Amino acid sequence: MRFFIHTGRTSVALVSLALAVGPVPLFAAGGEGGGLFDVNPGLSLWATVVFLALLGILWKFAWGPLLEQVDAREGRIQGALDESAAARDEAQKLLAEHKAQLADARRQANELVAEGKAAGQRLRAEIEEKARAEAQAILDTARAEISRERDQAIAELRKESVDLALAAAGKLLDEKIDAAQDRALVTSYIDSVAKGAEA
């Protein structure tokens, strides 16, 4: 701003000097004297008075408002630049915070995925172990049941065999017959016992 005022004063001084010298004819007109360096004091005086009056009017009515407008504009521009810099700094701060939050969210998501995988593997292992234990328990129970039923069937078969043998022996002792009759007697007795067991 000071540059403009300084330049304006220099321009005013140069213009006033040029007007003080006044219009100088380059060539002498007609036969009149004068030349390049002739000075007309009356004309120079009036030119200087008019210039100074114009300069005073401009200084009072134009320079003040113009300088105020330039200062106001400079202030608005500086304010806008300051606001822009503050907004840029705030945007960079928010961007950094956003990036940090995004990185934290990604980290937490990765941790959750890892924890989920680990929990899934633990649960799968527990379920497999439980299934193995249950299968083994079922097999053990089935084997025990089969063994018990087999032992029971063998015991019943022995009992029935003994009963059959005793009954057959009793029949044989009661009736003394030949081998074919003994066989037929035992077979008929076994059939009668089998029919009685079915009933």
C-alpha atoms as a PDB file:
ATOM      1  CA  MET A   1       0.000   0.000   0.000  1.00  0.00           C
ATOM      2  CA  ARG A   2       2.801   2.376   0.859  1.00  0.00           C
ATOM      3  CA  PHE A   3       4.342   1.627  -2.516  1.00  0.00           C
ATOM      4  CA  PHE A   4       1.239   2.971  -4.249  1.00  0.00           C
ATOM      5  CA  ILE A   5       1.269   6.174  -2.189  1.00  0.00           C
ATOM      6  CA  HIS A   6       4.994   6.667  -2.795  1.00  0.00           C
ATOM      7  CA  THR A   7       4.581   6.001  -6.519  1.00  0.00           C
ATOM      8  CA  GLY A   8       1.591   8.347  -6.603  1.00  0.00           C
ATOM      9  CA  ARG A   9       3.595  11.168  -4.989  1.00  0.00           C
ATOM     10  CA  THR A  10       6.441  10.637  -7.421  1.00  0.00           C
ATOM     11  CA  SER A  11       4.014  10.744 -10.336  1.00  0.00           C
ATOM     12  CA  VAL A  12       2.399  13.907  -8.948  1.00  0.00           C
ATOM     13  CA  ALA A  13       5.805  15.562  -8.639  1.00  0.00           C
ATOM     14  CA  LEU A  14       6.773  14.640 -12.200  1.00  0.00           C
ATOM     15  CA  VAL A  15       3.459  15.806 -13.655  1.00  0.00           C
ATOM     16  CA  SER A  16       3.620  19.086 -11.736  1.00  0.00           C
ATOM     17  CA  LEU A  17       7.168  19.682 -12.990  1.00  0.00           C
ATOM     18  CA  ALA A  18       6.076  18.964 -16.555  1.00  0.00           C
ATOM     19  CA  LEU A  19       3.133  21.321 -16.236  1.00  0.00           C
ATOM     20  CA  ALA A  20       5.290  23.981 -14.638  1.00  0.00           C
ATOM     21  CA  VAL A  21       7.513  23.929 -17.644  1.00  0.00           C
ATOM     22  CA  GLY A  22       4.388  24.218 -19.748  1.00  0.00           C
ATOM     23  CA  PRO A  23       3.859  23.301 -23.329  1.00  0.00           C
ATOM     24  CA  VAL A  24       6.989  24.109 -25.213  1.00  0.00           C
ATOM     25  CA  PRO A  25       6.813  24.443 -28.931  1.00  0.00           C
ATOM     26  CA  LEU A  26       9.431  22.427 -30.606  1.00  0.00           C
ATOM     27  CA  PHE A  27       9.745  24.781 -33.473  1.00  0.00           C
ATOM     28  CA  ALA A  28       9.349  28.470 -33.464  1.00  0.00           C
ATOM     29  CA  ALA A  29       6.020  29.402 -34.926  1.00  0.00           C
ATOM     30  CA  GLY A  30       6.088  31.905 -37.686  1.00  0.00           C
ATOM     31  CA  GLY A  31       8.611  34.550 -37.114  1.00  0.00           C
ATOM     32  CA  GLU A  32       8.164  34.728 -33.377  1.00  0.00           C
ATOM     33  CA  GLY A  33      11.060  34.072 -31.166  1.00  0.00           C
ATOM     34  CA  GLY A  34      11.172  31.146 -28.897  1.00  0.00           C
ATOM     35  CA  GLY A  35      12.279  27.754 -29.159  1.00  0.00           C
ATOM     36  CA  LEU A  36      12.563  24.587 -27.305  1.00  0.00           C
ATOM     37  CA  PHE A  37      13.551  26.101 -23.996  1.00  0.00           C
ATOM     38  CA  ASP A  38      11.274  29.184 -23.921  1.00  0.00           C
ATOM     39  CA  VAL A  39       9.075  29.432 -20.813  1.00  0.00           C
ATOM     40  CA  ASN A  40       5.782  31.295 -20.672  1.00  0.00           C
ATOM     41  CA  PRO A  41       5.461  32.290 -16.982  1.00  0.00           C
ATOM     42  CA  GLY A  42       1.753  33.180 -17.081  1.00  0.00           C
ATOM     43  CA  LEU A  43       0.752  29.953 -18.664  1.00  0.00           C
ATOM     44  CA  SER A  44       2.984  28.011 -16.345  1.00  0.00           C
ATOM     45  CA  LEU A  45       1.485  29.749 -13.302  1.00  0.00           C
ATOM     46  CA  TRP A  46      -2.101  29.017 -14.342  1.00  0.00           C
ATOM     47  CA  ALA A  47      -1.255  25.430 -15.239  1.00  0.00           C
ATOM     48  CA  THR A  48       0.345  24.956 -11.839  1.00  0.00           C
ATOM     49  CA  VAL A  49      -2.647  26.539 -10.032  1.00  0.00           C
ATOM     50  CA  VAL A  50      -5.121  24.367 -11.937  1.00  0.00           C
ATOM     51  CA  PHE A  51      -3.006  21.282 -11.314  1.00  0.00           C
ATOM     52  CA  LEU A  52      -2.707  21.978  -7.598  1.00  0.00           C
ATOM     53  CA  ALA A  53      -6.449  22.698  -7.333  1.00  0.00           C
ATOM     54  CA  LEU A  54      -7.211  19.467  -9.150  1.00  0.00           C
ATOM     55  CA  LEU A  55      -4.705  17.646  -6.981  1.00  0.00           C
ATOM     56  CA  GLY A  56      -6.342  19.071  -3.825  1.00  0.00           C
ATOM     57  CA  ILE A  57      -9.813  18.084  -4.981  1.00  0.00           C
ATOM     58  CA  LEU A  58      -8.628  14.591  -5.891  1.00  0.00           C
ATOM     59  CA  TRP A  59      -6.747  14.291  -2.601  1.00  0.00           C
ATOM     60  CA  LYS A  60      -9.777  15.312  -0.581  1.00  0.00           C
ATOM     61  CA  PHE A  61     -12.520  13.502  -2.479  1.00  0.00           C
ATOM     62  CA  ALA A  62     -10.854  10.704  -4.443  1.00  0.00           C
ATOM     63  CA  TRP A  63      -7.624   9.592  -2.792  1.00  0.00           C
ATOM     64  CA  GLY A  64      -9.134   9.066   0.670  1.00  0.00           C
ATOM     65  CA  PRO A  65     -12.060   6.901  -0.475  1.00  0.00           C
ATOM     66  CA  LEU A  66      -9.866   5.097  -3.004  1.00  0.00           C
ATOM     67  CA  LEU A  67      -7.254   4.342  -0.380  1.00  0.00           C
ATOM     68  CA  GLU A  68      -9.985   3.252   2.073  1.00  0.00           C
ATOM     69  CA  GLN A  69     -11.447   0.931  -0.576  1.00  0.00           C
ATOM     70  CA  VAL A  70      -8.001  -0.478  -1.356  1.00  0.00           C
ATOM     71  CA  ASP A  71      -7.300  -0.986   2.371  1.00  0.00           C
ATOM     72  CA  ALA A  72     -10.716  -2.592   2.874  1.00  0.00           C
ATOM     73  CA  ARG A  73     -10.192  -4.856  -0.110  1.00  0.00           C
ATOM     74  CA  GLU A  74      -6.736  -5.770   1.113  1.00  0.00           C
ATOM     75  CA  GLY A  75      -8.229  -6.571   4.528  1.00  0.00           C
ATOM     76  CA  ARG A  76     -10.956  -8.747   2.973  1.00  0.00           C
ATOM     77  CA  ILE A  77      -8.411 -10.581   0.845  1.00  0.00           C
ATOM     78  CA  GLN A  78      -6.131 -11.113   3.832  1.00  0.00           C
ATOM     79  CA  GLY A  79      -9.110 -12.295   5.910  1.00  0.00           C
ATOM     80  CA  ALA A  80     -10.131 -14.704   3.158  1.00  0.00           C
ATOM     81  CA  LEU A  81      -6.560 -15.989   2.924  1.00  0.00           C
ATOM     82  CA  ASP A  82      -6.421 -16.451   6.696  1.00  0.00           C
ATOM     83  CA  GLU A  83      -9.774 -18.246   6.704  1.00  0.00           C
ATOM     84  CA  SER A  84      -8.626 -20.400   3.812  1.00  0.00           C
ATOM     85  CA  ALA A  85      -5.414 -21.312   5.628  1.00  0.00           C
ATOM     86  CA  ALA A  86      -7.370 -22.082   8.813  1.00  0.00           C
ATOM     87  CA  ALA A  87      -9.864 -24.188   6.853  1.00  0.00           C
ATOM     88  CA  ARG A  88      -7.017 -26.010   5.099  1.00  0.00           C
ATOM     89  CA  ASP A  89      -5.324 -26.711   8.448  1.00  0.00           C
ATOM     90  CA  GLU A  90      -8.613 -27.914   9.905  1.00  0.00           C
ATOM     91  CA  ALA A  91      -9.234 -30.116   6.862  1.00  0.00           C
ATOM     92  CA  GLN A  92      -5.759 -31.618   7.154  1.00  0.00           C
ATOM     93  CA  LYS A  93      -6.330 -32.231  10.856  1.00  0.00           C
ATOM     94  CA  LEU A  94      -9.699 -33.885  10.154  1.00  0.00           C
ATOM     95  CA  LEU A  95      -8.136 -35.947   7.360  1.00  0.00           C
ATOM     96  CA  ALA A  96      -5.400 -37.143   9.703  1.00  0.00           C
ATOM     97  CA  GLU A  97      -7.997 -38.020  12.355  1.00  0.00           C
ATOM     98  CA  HIS A  98     -10.098 -39.818   9.757  1.00  0.00           C
ATOM     99  CA  LYS A  99      -7.096 -41.801   8.550  1.00  0.00           C
ATOM    100  CA  ALA A 100      -6.225 -42.711  12.145  1.00  0.00           C
ATOM    101  CA  GLN A 101      -9.814 -43.794  12.841  1.00  0.00           C
ATOM    102  CA  LEU A 102      -9.907 -45.800   9.621  1.00  0.00           C
ATOM    103  CA  ALA A 103      -6.627 -47.527  10.484  1.00  0.00           C
ATOM    104  CA  ASP A 104      -7.941 -48.266  13.989  1.00  0.00           C
ATOM    105  CA  ALA A 105     -11.193 -49.644  12.567  1.00  0.00           C
ATOM    106  CA  ARG A 106      -9.255 -51.873  10.166  1.00  0.00           C
ATOM    107  CA  ARG A 107      -7.049 -53.085  13.013  1.00  0.00           C
ATOM    108  CA  GLN A 108     -10.087 -53.846  15.175  1.00  0.00           C
ATOM    109  CA  ALA A 109     -11.806 -55.612  12.281  1.00  0.00           C
ATOM    110  CA  ASN A 110      -8.712 -57.747  11.679  1.00  0.00           C
ATOM    111  CA  GLU A 111      -8.557 -58.561  15.392  1.00  0.00           C
ATOM    112  CA  LEU A 112     -12.242 -59.531  15.392  1.00  0.00           C
ATOM    113  CA  VAL A 113     -11.754 -61.728  12.327  1.00  0.00           C
ATOM    114  CA  ALA A 114      -8.739 -63.394  13.937  1.00  0.00           C
ATOM    115  CA  GLU A 115     -10.649 -63.892  17.201  1.00  0.00           C
ATOM    116  CA  GLY A 116     -13.618 -65.290  15.256  1.00  0.00           C
ATOM    117  CA  LYS A 117     -11.387 -67.737  13.408  1.00  0.00           C
ATOM    118  CA  ALA A 118      -9.731 -68.834  16.637  1.00  0.00           C
ATOM    119  CA  ALA A 119     -13.100 -69.212  18.376  1.00  0.00           C
ATOM    120  CA  GLY A 120     -14.431 -71.182  15.400  1.00  0.00           C
ATOM    121  CA  GLN A 121     -11.432 -73.495  15.444  1.00  0.00           C
ATOM    122  CA  ARG A 122     -11.765 -73.974  19.215  1.00  0.00           C
ATOM    123  CA  LEU A 123     -15.492 -74.672  18.871  1.00  0.00           C
ATOM    124  CA  ARG A 124     -14.887 -77.095  16.005  1.00  0.00           C
ATOM    125  CA  ALA A 125     -12.231 -78.899  18.044  1.00  0.00           C
ATOM    126  CA  GLU A 126     -14.565 -79.057  21.058  1.00  0.00           C
ATOM    127  CA  ILE A 127     -17.443 -80.362  18.928  1.00  0.00           C
ATOM    128  CA  GLU A 128     -15.183 -82.957  17.280  1.00  0.00           C
ATOM    129  CA  GLU A 129     -13.864 -84.076  20.674  1.00  0.00           C
ATOM    130  CA  LYS A 130     -17.377 -84.227  22.092  1.00  0.00           C
ATOM    131  CA  ALA A 131     -18.582 -86.205  19.044  1.00  0.00           C
ATOM    132  CA  ARG A 132     -15.662 -88.600  19.399  1.00  0.00           C
ATOM    133  CA  ALA A 133     -16.394 -89.050  23.095  1.00  0.00           C
ATOM    134  CA  GLU A 134     -20.105 -89.591  22.427  1.00  0.00           C
ATOM    135  CA  ALA A 135     -19.349 -92.028  19.590  1.00  0.00           C
ATOM    136  CA  GLN A 136     -16.919 -93.881  21.814  1.00  0.00           C
ATOM    137  CA  ALA A 137     -19.482 -93.968  24.622  1.00  0.00           C
ATOM    138  CA  ILE A 138     -22.134 -95.275  22.216  1.00  0.00           C
ATOM    139  CA  LEU A 139     -19.731 -97.911  20.910  1.00  0.00           C
ATOM    140  CA  ASP A 140     -18.770 -98.920  24.438  1.00  0.00           C
ATOM    141  CA  THR A 141     -22.420 -99.093  25.461  1.00  0.00           C
ATOM    142  CA  ALA A 142     -23.301-101.101  22.346  1.00  0.00           C
ATOM    143  CA  ARG A 143     -20.405-103.480  22.905  1.00  0.00           C
ATOM    144  CA  ALA A 144     -21.373-103.917  26.540  1.00  0.00           C
ATOM    145  CA  GLU A 145     -25.007-104.479  25.524  1.00  0.00           C
ATOM    146  CA  ILE A 146     -23.991-106.987  22.846  1.00  0.00           C
ATOM    147  CA  SER A 147     -21.679-108.752  25.274  1.00  0.00           C
ATOM    148  CA  ARG A 148     -24.365-108.829  27.968  1.00  0.00           C
ATOM    149  CA  GLU A 149     -27.006-110.094  25.531  1.00  0.00           C
ATOM    150  CA  ARG A 150     -24.575-112.667  24.150  1.00  0.00           C
ATOM    151  CA  ASP A 151     -23.740-113.847  27.670  1.00  0.00           C
ATOM    152  CA  GLN A 152     -27.429-113.936  28.509  1.00  0.00           C
ATOM    153  CA  ALA A 153     -28.216-115.868  25.311  1.00  0.00           C
ATOM    154  CA  ILE A 154     -25.393-118.311  26.035  1.00  0.00           C
ATOM    155  CA  ALA A 155     -26.654-118.721  29.606  1.00  0.00           C
ATOM    156  CA  GLU A 156     -30.187-119.333  28.377  1.00  0.00           C
ATOM    157  CA  LEU A 157     -28.925-121.693  25.682  1.00  0.00           C
ATOM    158  CA  ARG A 158     -26.936-123.631  28.277  1.00  0.00           C
ATOM    159  CA  LYS A 159     -29.903-123.760  30.569  1.00  0.00           C
ATOM    160  CA  GLU A 160     -32.152-124.923  27.791  1.00  0.00           C
ATOM    161  CA  SER A 161     -29.501-127.367  26.613  1.00  0.00           C
ATOM    162  CA  VAL A 162     -29.224-128.776  30.100  1.00  0.00           C
ATOM    163  CA  ASP A 163     -32.990-128.937  30.418  1.00  0.00           C
ATOM    164  CA  LEU A 164     -33.201-130.580  27.025  1.00  0.00           C
ATOM    165  CA  ALA A 165     -30.470-133.005  27.854  1.00  0.00           C
ATOM    166  CA  LEU A 166     -32.048-133.860  31.199  1.00  0.00           C
ATOM    167  CA  ALA A 167     -35.467-134.172  29.680  1.00  0.00           C
ATOM    168  CA  ALA A 168     -34.151-136.248  26.833  1.00  0.00           C
ATOM    169  CA  ALA A 169     -32.184-138.401  29.247  1.00  0.00           C
ATOM    170  CA  GLY A 170     -35.261-138.822  31.407  1.00  0.00           C
ATOM    171  CA  LYS A 171     -37.309-139.903  28.438  1.00  0.00           C
ATOM    172  CA  LEU A 172     -34.613-142.263  27.327  1.00  0.00           C
ATOM    173  CA  LEU A 173     -34.381-143.824  30.725  1.00  0.00           C
ATOM    174  CA  ASP A 174     -38.122-144.239  30.928  1.00  0.00           C
ATOM    175  CA  GLU A 175     -38.267-145.949  27.609  1.00  0.00           C
ATOM    176  CA  LYS A 176     -35.491-148.103  26.402  1.00  0.00           C
ATOM    177  CA  ILE A 177     -35.621-147.947  22.650  1.00  0.00           C
ATOM    178  CA  ASP A 178     -33.126-148.164  19.869  1.00  0.00           C
ATOM    179  CA  ALA A 179     -31.012-145.262  18.548  1.00  0.00           C
ATOM    180  CA  ALA A 180     -33.486-144.186  15.887  1.00  0.00           C
ATOM    181  CA  GLN A 181     -36.245-143.981  18.428  1.00  0.00           C
ATOM    182  CA  ASP A 182     -33.927-142.051  20.802  1.00  0.00           C
ATOM    183  CA  ARG A 183     -33.182-139.531  18.106  1.00  0.00           C
ATOM    184  CA  ALA A 184     -36.870-139.142  17.191  1.00  0.00           C
ATOM    185  CA  LEU A 185     -37.771-138.755  20.850  1.00  0.00           C
ATOM    186  CA  VAL A 186     -35.140-136.025  21.427  1.00  0.00           C
ATOM    187  CA  THR A 187     -36.179-134.223  18.243  1.00  0.00           C
ATOM    188  CA  SER A 188     -39.878-134.254  19.161  1.00  0.00           C
ATOM    189  CA  TYR A 189     -39.066-133.041  22.676  1.00  0.00           C
ATOM    190  CA  ILE A 190     -36.929-130.177  21.304  1.00  0.00           C
ATOM    191  CA  ASP A 191     -39.746-129.224  18.932  1.00  0.00           C
ATOM    192  CA  SER A 192     -42.263-129.237  21.778  1.00  0.00           C
ATOM    193  CA  VAL A 193     -39.969-127.099  23.942  1.00  0.00           C
ATOM    194  CA  ALA A 194     -39.390-124.697  21.032  1.00  0.00           C
ATOM    195  CA  LYS A 195     -43.153-124.378  20.462  1.00  0.00           C
ATOM    196  CA  GLY A 196     -43.675-123.773  24.181  1.00  0.00           C
ATOM    197  CA  ALA A 197     -40.962-121.075  24.162  1.00  0.00           C
ATOM    198  CA  GLU A 198     -42.546-119.356  21.135  1.00  0.00           C
ATOM    199  CA  ALA A 199     -45.916-119.314  22.798  1.00  0.00           C
END
